N, C-alpha and C. Protein backbone atom coordinates (compact mmCIF):
# COMPACT_ATOMS: atom_id res chain seq x y z
N UNK A 1 129.76 128.47 139.20
CA UNK A 1 130.20 128.42 137.82
C UNK A 1 129.18 127.68 136.94
N UNK A 2 128.51 126.69 137.53
CA UNK A 2 127.53 125.92 136.76
C UNK A 2 126.41 126.82 136.27
N UNK A 3 125.96 127.74 137.10
CA UNK A 3 124.87 128.63 136.70
C UNK A 3 125.30 129.55 135.55
N UNK A 4 126.54 129.98 135.58
CA UNK A 4 127.06 130.82 134.50
C UNK A 4 127.12 130.03 133.20
N UNK A 5 127.64 128.81 133.27
CA UNK A 5 127.73 127.96 132.08
C UNK A 5 126.35 127.63 131.52
N UNK A 6 125.42 127.31 132.41
CA UNK A 6 124.06 127.01 131.96
C UNK A 6 123.41 128.24 131.32
N UNK A 7 123.62 129.39 131.91
CA UNK A 7 123.08 130.63 131.35
C UNK A 7 123.66 130.89 129.96
N UNK A 8 124.97 130.71 129.80
CA UNK A 8 125.61 130.90 128.51
C UNK A 8 125.11 129.88 127.48
N UNK A 9 124.89 128.65 127.92
CA UNK A 9 124.37 127.60 127.04
C UNK A 9 122.97 127.96 126.53
N UNK A 10 122.10 128.37 127.43
CA UNK A 10 120.73 128.73 127.05
C UNK A 10 120.73 129.97 126.17
N UNK A 11 121.50 130.98 126.54
CA UNK A 11 121.57 132.19 125.71
C UNK A 11 122.12 131.89 124.31
N UNK A 12 123.14 131.06 124.24
CA UNK A 12 123.69 130.69 122.93
C UNK A 12 122.64 129.95 122.10
N UNK A 13 121.88 129.07 122.73
CA UNK A 13 120.84 128.34 122.01
C UNK A 13 119.78 129.30 121.48
N UNK A 14 119.36 130.23 122.29
CA UNK A 14 118.33 131.18 121.87
C UNK A 14 118.85 132.11 120.78
N UNK A 15 120.04 132.66 120.99
CA UNK A 15 120.58 133.66 120.06
C UNK A 15 121.19 133.08 118.78
N UNK A 16 121.61 131.82 118.81
CA UNK A 16 122.23 131.24 117.62
C UNK A 16 121.28 130.31 116.88
N UNK A 17 120.65 129.40 117.59
CA UNK A 17 119.79 128.42 116.93
C UNK A 17 118.46 129.05 116.52
N UNK A 18 117.95 129.96 117.32
CA UNK A 18 116.68 130.60 117.01
C UNK A 18 116.66 131.27 115.63
N UNK A 19 117.61 132.15 115.34
CA UNK A 19 117.62 132.80 114.03
C UNK A 19 117.77 131.81 112.86
N UNK A 20 118.54 130.74 113.07
CA UNK A 20 118.69 129.76 112.00
C UNK A 20 117.36 129.07 111.72
N UNK A 21 116.66 128.66 112.77
CA UNK A 21 115.41 127.95 112.56
C UNK A 21 114.37 128.85 111.88
N UNK A 22 114.33 130.11 112.27
CA UNK A 22 113.36 131.03 111.65
C UNK A 22 113.74 131.32 110.20
N UNK A 23 114.99 131.69 109.96
CA UNK A 23 115.42 132.03 108.59
C UNK A 23 115.32 130.82 107.66
N UNK A 24 115.72 129.66 108.15
CA UNK A 24 115.64 128.45 107.32
C UNK A 24 114.19 128.11 107.01
N UNK A 25 113.29 128.33 107.96
CA UNK A 25 111.87 128.06 107.73
C UNK A 25 111.25 129.03 106.73
N UNK A 26 111.73 130.25 106.70
CA UNK A 26 111.20 131.26 105.79
C UNK A 26 111.72 131.08 104.36
N UNK A 27 112.87 130.46 104.22
CA UNK A 27 113.55 130.38 102.92
C UNK A 27 112.72 129.69 101.83
N UNK A 28 112.14 128.49 102.08
CA UNK A 28 111.40 127.83 100.99
C UNK A 28 110.23 128.67 100.46
N UNK A 29 109.48 129.30 101.35
CA UNK A 29 108.36 130.13 100.90
C UNK A 29 108.87 131.34 100.13
N UNK A 30 109.95 131.94 100.60
CA UNK A 30 110.52 133.08 99.90
C UNK A 30 111.05 132.67 98.52
N UNK A 31 111.56 131.45 98.42
CA UNK A 31 112.06 130.97 97.13
C UNK A 31 110.93 130.85 96.11
N UNK A 32 109.74 130.58 96.59
CA UNK A 32 108.60 130.46 95.68
C UNK A 32 107.95 131.80 95.37
N UNK A 33 108.09 132.77 96.28
CA UNK A 33 107.37 134.04 96.12
C UNK A 33 108.26 135.23 95.83
N UNK A 34 109.12 135.58 96.79
CA UNK A 34 109.90 136.81 96.70
C UNK A 34 111.38 136.49 96.88
N UNK A 35 112.05 136.25 95.79
CA UNK A 35 113.45 135.83 95.83
C UNK A 35 114.41 136.90 96.35
N UNK A 36 113.93 138.13 96.49
CA UNK A 36 114.82 139.20 96.93
C UNK A 36 115.32 138.99 98.36
N UNK A 37 114.59 138.22 99.16
CA UNK A 37 114.99 137.97 100.54
C UNK A 37 115.98 136.82 100.68
N UNK A 38 116.14 136.04 99.64
CA UNK A 38 116.94 134.82 99.74
C UNK A 38 118.39 135.05 100.18
N UNK A 39 119.11 136.02 99.60
CA UNK A 39 120.50 136.20 100.06
C UNK A 39 120.59 136.52 101.56
N UNK A 40 119.69 137.35 102.04
CA UNK A 40 119.71 137.68 103.47
C UNK A 40 119.40 136.47 104.33
N UNK A 41 118.37 135.72 103.97
CA UNK A 41 118.00 134.53 104.75
C UNK A 41 119.12 133.50 104.75
N UNK A 42 119.77 133.33 103.60
CA UNK A 42 120.88 132.37 103.51
C UNK A 42 122.06 132.84 104.37
N UNK A 43 122.33 134.12 104.33
CA UNK A 43 123.44 134.64 105.15
C UNK A 43 123.15 134.47 106.64
N UNK A 44 121.92 134.72 107.05
CA UNK A 44 121.54 134.51 108.45
C UNK A 44 121.79 133.05 108.83
N UNK A 45 121.36 132.15 107.97
CA UNK A 45 121.56 130.72 108.25
C UNK A 45 123.04 130.37 108.38
N UNK A 46 123.86 130.87 107.47
CA UNK A 46 125.29 130.55 107.50
C UNK A 46 125.98 131.13 108.73
N UNK A 47 125.73 132.41 108.99
CA UNK A 47 126.42 133.08 110.10
C UNK A 47 126.01 132.49 111.45
N UNK A 48 124.71 132.33 111.64
CA UNK A 48 124.25 131.83 112.93
C UNK A 48 124.52 130.33 113.10
N UNK A 49 124.64 129.60 112.00
CA UNK A 49 125.05 128.20 112.10
C UNK A 49 126.48 128.13 112.65
N UNK A 50 127.33 129.02 112.17
CA UNK A 50 128.71 129.06 112.67
C UNK A 50 128.75 129.46 114.15
N UNK A 51 127.93 130.43 114.52
CA UNK A 51 127.88 130.85 115.92
C UNK A 51 127.27 129.76 116.81
N UNK A 52 126.46 128.91 116.21
CA UNK A 52 125.78 127.85 116.95
C UNK A 52 126.70 126.83 117.57
N UNK A 53 127.96 126.79 117.15
CA UNK A 53 128.92 125.86 117.75
C UNK A 53 129.08 126.14 119.25
N UNK A 54 128.75 127.36 119.67
CA UNK A 54 128.84 127.71 121.08
C UNK A 54 127.84 126.92 121.92
N UNK A 55 126.73 126.52 121.32
CA UNK A 55 125.69 125.81 122.08
C UNK A 55 126.21 124.48 122.62
N UNK A 56 126.75 123.58 121.79
CA UNK A 56 127.26 122.33 122.37
C UNK A 56 128.51 122.53 123.23
N UNK A 57 129.30 123.54 122.92
CA UNK A 57 130.48 123.78 123.75
C UNK A 57 130.06 124.14 125.18
N UNK A 58 129.16 125.11 125.31
CA UNK A 58 128.69 125.48 126.65
C UNK A 58 127.85 124.36 127.26
N UNK A 59 127.14 123.61 126.41
CA UNK A 59 126.34 122.50 126.91
C UNK A 59 127.21 121.41 127.52
N UNK A 60 128.28 121.05 126.83
CA UNK A 60 129.18 120.03 127.37
C UNK A 60 129.87 120.52 128.65
N UNK A 61 130.25 121.78 128.68
CA UNK A 61 130.86 122.34 129.89
C UNK A 61 129.87 122.30 131.06
N UNK A 62 128.62 122.64 130.78
CA UNK A 62 127.59 122.60 131.81
C UNK A 62 127.35 121.18 132.29
N UNK A 63 127.23 120.24 131.37
CA UNK A 63 127.00 118.85 131.72
C UNK A 63 128.15 118.29 132.56
N UNK A 64 129.36 118.66 132.19
CA UNK A 64 130.52 118.22 132.95
C UNK A 64 130.48 118.78 134.37
N UNK A 65 130.13 120.07 134.47
CA UNK A 65 130.03 120.72 135.76
C UNK A 65 128.96 120.08 136.64
N UNK A 66 127.87 119.63 136.02
CA UNK A 66 126.77 119.00 136.75
C UNK A 66 127.01 117.52 137.00
N UNK A 67 128.00 116.95 136.32
CA UNK A 67 128.30 115.53 136.48
C UNK A 67 127.27 114.62 135.81
N UNK A 68 126.69 115.07 134.69
CA UNK A 68 125.66 114.28 134.02
C UNK A 68 126.09 113.82 132.62
N UNK A 69 127.38 113.84 132.34
CA UNK A 69 127.86 113.50 131.00
C UNK A 69 127.46 112.10 130.55
N UNK A 70 127.25 111.18 131.46
CA UNK A 70 126.89 109.81 131.08
C UNK A 70 125.40 109.54 131.05
N UNK A 71 124.58 110.53 131.37
CA UNK A 71 123.13 110.31 131.41
C UNK A 71 122.58 110.09 130.00
N UNK A 72 121.64 109.16 129.92
CA UNK A 72 121.07 108.79 128.62
C UNK A 72 120.43 109.97 127.92
N UNK A 73 119.65 110.78 128.65
CA UNK A 73 118.97 111.91 128.01
C UNK A 73 119.97 112.87 127.39
N UNK A 74 121.12 113.03 128.02
CA UNK A 74 122.14 113.92 127.49
C UNK A 74 122.81 113.32 126.26
N UNK A 75 123.12 112.03 126.32
CA UNK A 75 123.74 111.37 125.17
C UNK A 75 122.81 111.39 123.96
N UNK A 76 121.51 111.19 124.18
CA UNK A 76 120.53 111.27 123.09
C UNK A 76 120.49 112.70 122.55
N UNK A 77 120.51 113.68 123.45
CA UNK A 77 120.51 115.08 123.03
C UNK A 77 121.74 115.42 122.19
N UNK A 78 122.88 114.92 122.61
CA UNK A 78 124.12 115.16 121.87
C UNK A 78 124.02 114.54 120.47
N UNK A 79 123.52 113.31 120.40
CA UNK A 79 123.38 112.64 119.10
C UNK A 79 122.41 113.40 118.20
N UNK A 80 121.27 113.83 118.75
CA UNK A 80 120.29 114.57 117.96
C UNK A 80 120.84 115.93 117.52
N UNK A 81 121.63 116.56 118.37
CA UNK A 81 122.26 117.82 118.00
C UNK A 81 123.23 117.62 116.84
N UNK A 82 123.99 116.53 116.89
CA UNK A 82 124.91 116.21 115.79
C UNK A 82 124.15 115.96 114.49
N UNK A 83 123.03 115.24 114.58
CA UNK A 83 122.22 114.98 113.38
C UNK A 83 121.64 116.30 112.85
N UNK A 84 121.15 117.15 113.75
CA UNK A 84 120.61 118.45 113.33
C UNK A 84 121.68 119.28 112.63
N UNK A 85 122.88 119.29 113.18
CA UNK A 85 123.98 120.04 112.56
C UNK A 85 124.30 119.46 111.19
N UNK A 86 124.30 118.14 111.06
CA UNK A 86 124.57 117.51 109.77
C UNK A 86 123.49 117.86 108.75
N UNK A 87 122.24 117.85 109.16
CA UNK A 87 121.15 118.22 108.25
C UNK A 87 121.33 119.66 107.79
N UNK A 88 121.68 120.54 108.71
CA UNK A 88 121.89 121.94 108.36
C UNK A 88 123.06 122.10 107.39
N UNK A 89 124.18 121.51 107.73
CA UNK A 89 125.41 121.71 106.94
C UNK A 89 125.38 120.97 105.60
N UNK A 90 124.80 119.77 105.58
CA UNK A 90 124.88 118.96 104.36
C UNK A 90 123.60 118.95 103.52
N UNK A 91 122.50 119.48 104.06
CA UNK A 91 121.26 119.49 103.29
C UNK A 91 120.70 120.91 103.13
N UNK A 92 120.44 121.57 104.26
CA UNK A 92 119.77 122.87 104.20
C UNK A 92 120.63 123.92 103.50
N UNK A 93 121.84 124.15 103.99
CA UNK A 93 122.69 125.20 103.41
C UNK A 93 123.05 124.94 101.95
N UNK A 94 123.45 123.71 101.57
CA UNK A 94 123.74 123.49 100.14
C UNK A 94 122.51 123.65 99.24
N UNK A 95 121.35 123.23 99.72
CA UNK A 95 120.14 123.38 98.91
C UNK A 95 119.79 124.85 98.77
N UNK A 96 119.96 125.63 99.83
CA UNK A 96 119.75 127.07 99.74
C UNK A 96 120.70 127.67 98.70
N UNK A 97 121.95 127.24 98.71
CA UNK A 97 122.93 127.75 97.74
C UNK A 97 122.53 127.43 96.31
N UNK A 98 122.01 126.22 96.09
CA UNK A 98 121.54 125.84 94.75
C UNK A 98 120.39 126.73 94.30
N UNK A 99 119.49 127.00 95.23
CA UNK A 99 118.35 127.86 94.90
C UNK A 99 118.83 129.27 94.57
N UNK A 100 119.79 129.77 95.33
CA UNK A 100 120.34 131.10 95.07
C UNK A 100 121.01 131.17 93.70
N UNK A 101 121.68 130.10 93.32
CA UNK A 101 122.41 130.08 92.05
C UNK A 101 121.48 129.91 90.85
N UNK A 102 120.31 129.36 91.09
CA UNK A 102 119.38 129.10 89.98
C UNK A 102 118.72 130.39 89.51
N UNK A 103 118.43 130.42 88.23
CA UNK A 103 117.70 131.55 87.68
C UNK A 103 116.28 131.10 87.38
N UNK A 104 115.33 131.93 87.70
CA UNK A 104 113.94 131.59 87.45
C UNK A 104 113.37 130.70 88.55
N UNK A 105 112.19 130.14 88.33
CA UNK A 105 111.55 129.31 89.35
C UNK A 105 112.35 128.04 89.62
N UNK A 106 112.33 127.60 90.85
CA UNK A 106 113.06 126.40 91.24
C UNK A 106 112.12 125.41 91.89
N UNK A 107 112.42 124.13 91.73
CA UNK A 107 111.58 123.10 92.31
C UNK A 107 112.23 122.49 93.54
N UNK A 108 113.45 122.89 93.88
CA UNK A 108 114.13 122.30 95.04
C UNK A 108 113.63 122.89 96.35
N UNK A 109 112.69 123.83 96.28
CA UNK A 109 112.15 124.40 97.51
C UNK A 109 111.39 123.35 98.32
N UNK A 110 110.78 122.37 97.64
CA UNK A 110 110.04 121.33 98.35
C UNK A 110 110.95 120.46 99.19
N UNK A 111 112.05 119.88 98.63
CA UNK A 111 112.94 119.13 99.51
C UNK A 111 113.56 120.01 100.58
N UNK A 112 113.81 121.27 100.27
CA UNK A 112 114.36 122.18 101.27
C UNK A 112 113.40 122.33 102.44
N UNK A 113 112.12 122.43 102.14
CA UNK A 113 111.13 122.51 103.21
C UNK A 113 111.17 121.28 104.11
N UNK A 114 111.37 120.11 103.50
CA UNK A 114 111.46 118.88 104.28
C UNK A 114 112.72 118.88 105.14
N UNK A 115 113.85 119.24 104.55
CA UNK A 115 115.10 119.29 105.32
C UNK A 115 114.99 120.26 106.49
N UNK A 116 114.40 121.42 106.22
CA UNK A 116 114.24 122.43 107.26
C UNK A 116 113.31 121.93 108.35
N UNK A 117 112.24 121.25 107.96
CA UNK A 117 111.32 120.68 108.94
C UNK A 117 111.99 119.65 109.83
N UNK A 118 112.82 118.80 109.24
CA UNK A 118 113.56 117.81 110.02
C UNK A 118 114.52 118.50 110.97
N UNK A 119 115.23 119.50 110.48
CA UNK A 119 116.15 120.27 111.33
C UNK A 119 115.42 120.88 112.52
N UNK A 120 114.28 121.51 112.26
CA UNK A 120 113.50 122.14 113.34
C UNK A 120 112.94 121.11 114.31
N UNK A 121 112.49 119.97 113.81
CA UNK A 121 111.96 118.91 114.67
C UNK A 121 113.05 118.35 115.58
N UNK A 122 114.25 118.19 115.04
CA UNK A 122 115.36 117.72 115.86
C UNK A 122 115.67 118.70 116.98
N UNK A 123 115.70 120.00 116.67
CA UNK A 123 115.97 120.99 117.71
C UNK A 123 114.85 121.05 118.74
N UNK A 124 113.62 120.90 118.30
CA UNK A 124 112.50 120.88 119.24
C UNK A 124 112.63 119.69 120.19
N UNK A 125 113.02 118.54 119.65
CA UNK A 125 113.19 117.35 120.48
C UNK A 125 114.31 117.54 121.49
N UNK A 126 115.43 118.11 121.05
CA UNK A 126 116.54 118.38 121.97
C UNK A 126 116.09 119.34 123.07
N UNK A 127 115.34 120.36 122.71
CA UNK A 127 114.86 121.33 123.69
C UNK A 127 113.99 120.64 124.74
N UNK A 128 113.08 119.78 124.29
CA UNK A 128 112.21 119.06 125.23
C UNK A 128 113.06 118.16 126.13
N UNK A 129 114.02 117.46 125.57
CA UNK A 129 114.89 116.61 126.39
C UNK A 129 115.65 117.42 127.44
N UNK A 130 116.09 118.62 127.06
CA UNK A 130 116.82 119.46 128.00
C UNK A 130 115.92 119.95 129.15
N UNK A 131 114.65 120.12 128.86
CA UNK A 131 113.73 120.60 129.89
C UNK A 131 113.24 119.44 130.76
N UNK A 132 112.84 118.35 130.13
CA UNK A 132 112.25 117.22 130.86
C UNK A 132 113.31 116.37 131.56
N UNK A 133 114.43 116.17 130.91
CA UNK A 133 115.54 115.37 131.46
C UNK A 133 115.01 114.08 132.11
N UNK A 134 114.65 113.09 131.33
CA UNK A 134 114.14 111.85 131.91
C UNK A 134 115.09 111.29 132.95
N UNK A 135 114.53 110.92 134.07
CA UNK A 135 115.33 110.39 135.16
C UNK A 135 115.92 111.45 136.06
N UNK A 136 115.59 112.72 135.80
CA UNK A 136 116.12 113.81 136.62
C UNK A 136 115.56 113.73 138.02
N UNK A 137 116.34 114.11 138.97
CA UNK A 137 115.90 114.11 140.36
C UNK A 137 115.38 115.46 140.81
N UNK A 138 115.39 116.45 139.89
CA UNK A 138 114.95 117.78 140.28
C UNK A 138 113.43 117.90 140.32
N UNK A 139 112.73 116.99 139.65
CA UNK A 139 111.28 117.04 139.64
C UNK A 139 110.73 118.08 138.66
N UNK A 140 111.59 118.80 137.97
CA UNK A 140 111.12 119.83 137.03
C UNK A 140 110.66 119.20 135.74
C-alpha cells in the first residue's frame, strides 16, 4: 500500500503543482506583453491549486504508512508546503486577479514575479527535501 500511496503522491505533485508553477511563472511576463493569455493562465493556477490539495493528503498518508511523521525533514517539508500554499492563495492568485481586472498597463507584475519566485523556490526546496531526506537510512 505504501508504494501505491507514494506513487499517487508523486503523480499528484507532478500533475497539480507542475502546471501551477509554470502558469504562475508565465503570468508576469504575459501581463507585460500579451494580456490575451492572462485569463487562461489564471484559470490554470486556480484549478490546479485546488487539485494540489491531493499532494499533502497523499503525502501525509505515505508518511504515516512509512512511520516517518515525526522526522524533522518531513515536518520542515510540511511547514514549507503550508507557506507555499499561503503564498499562492494570499499573494499570487489575488495579484493575478488584480492584474486581470485592471485596464491598460499594470505595475503589479513586478511584485507578482517576486511572489511567484518565492512560491517556486519553496516548492523546489520541498522537492529536494523529499529526495534527500536528511537522516534517511536508505542512502538515496
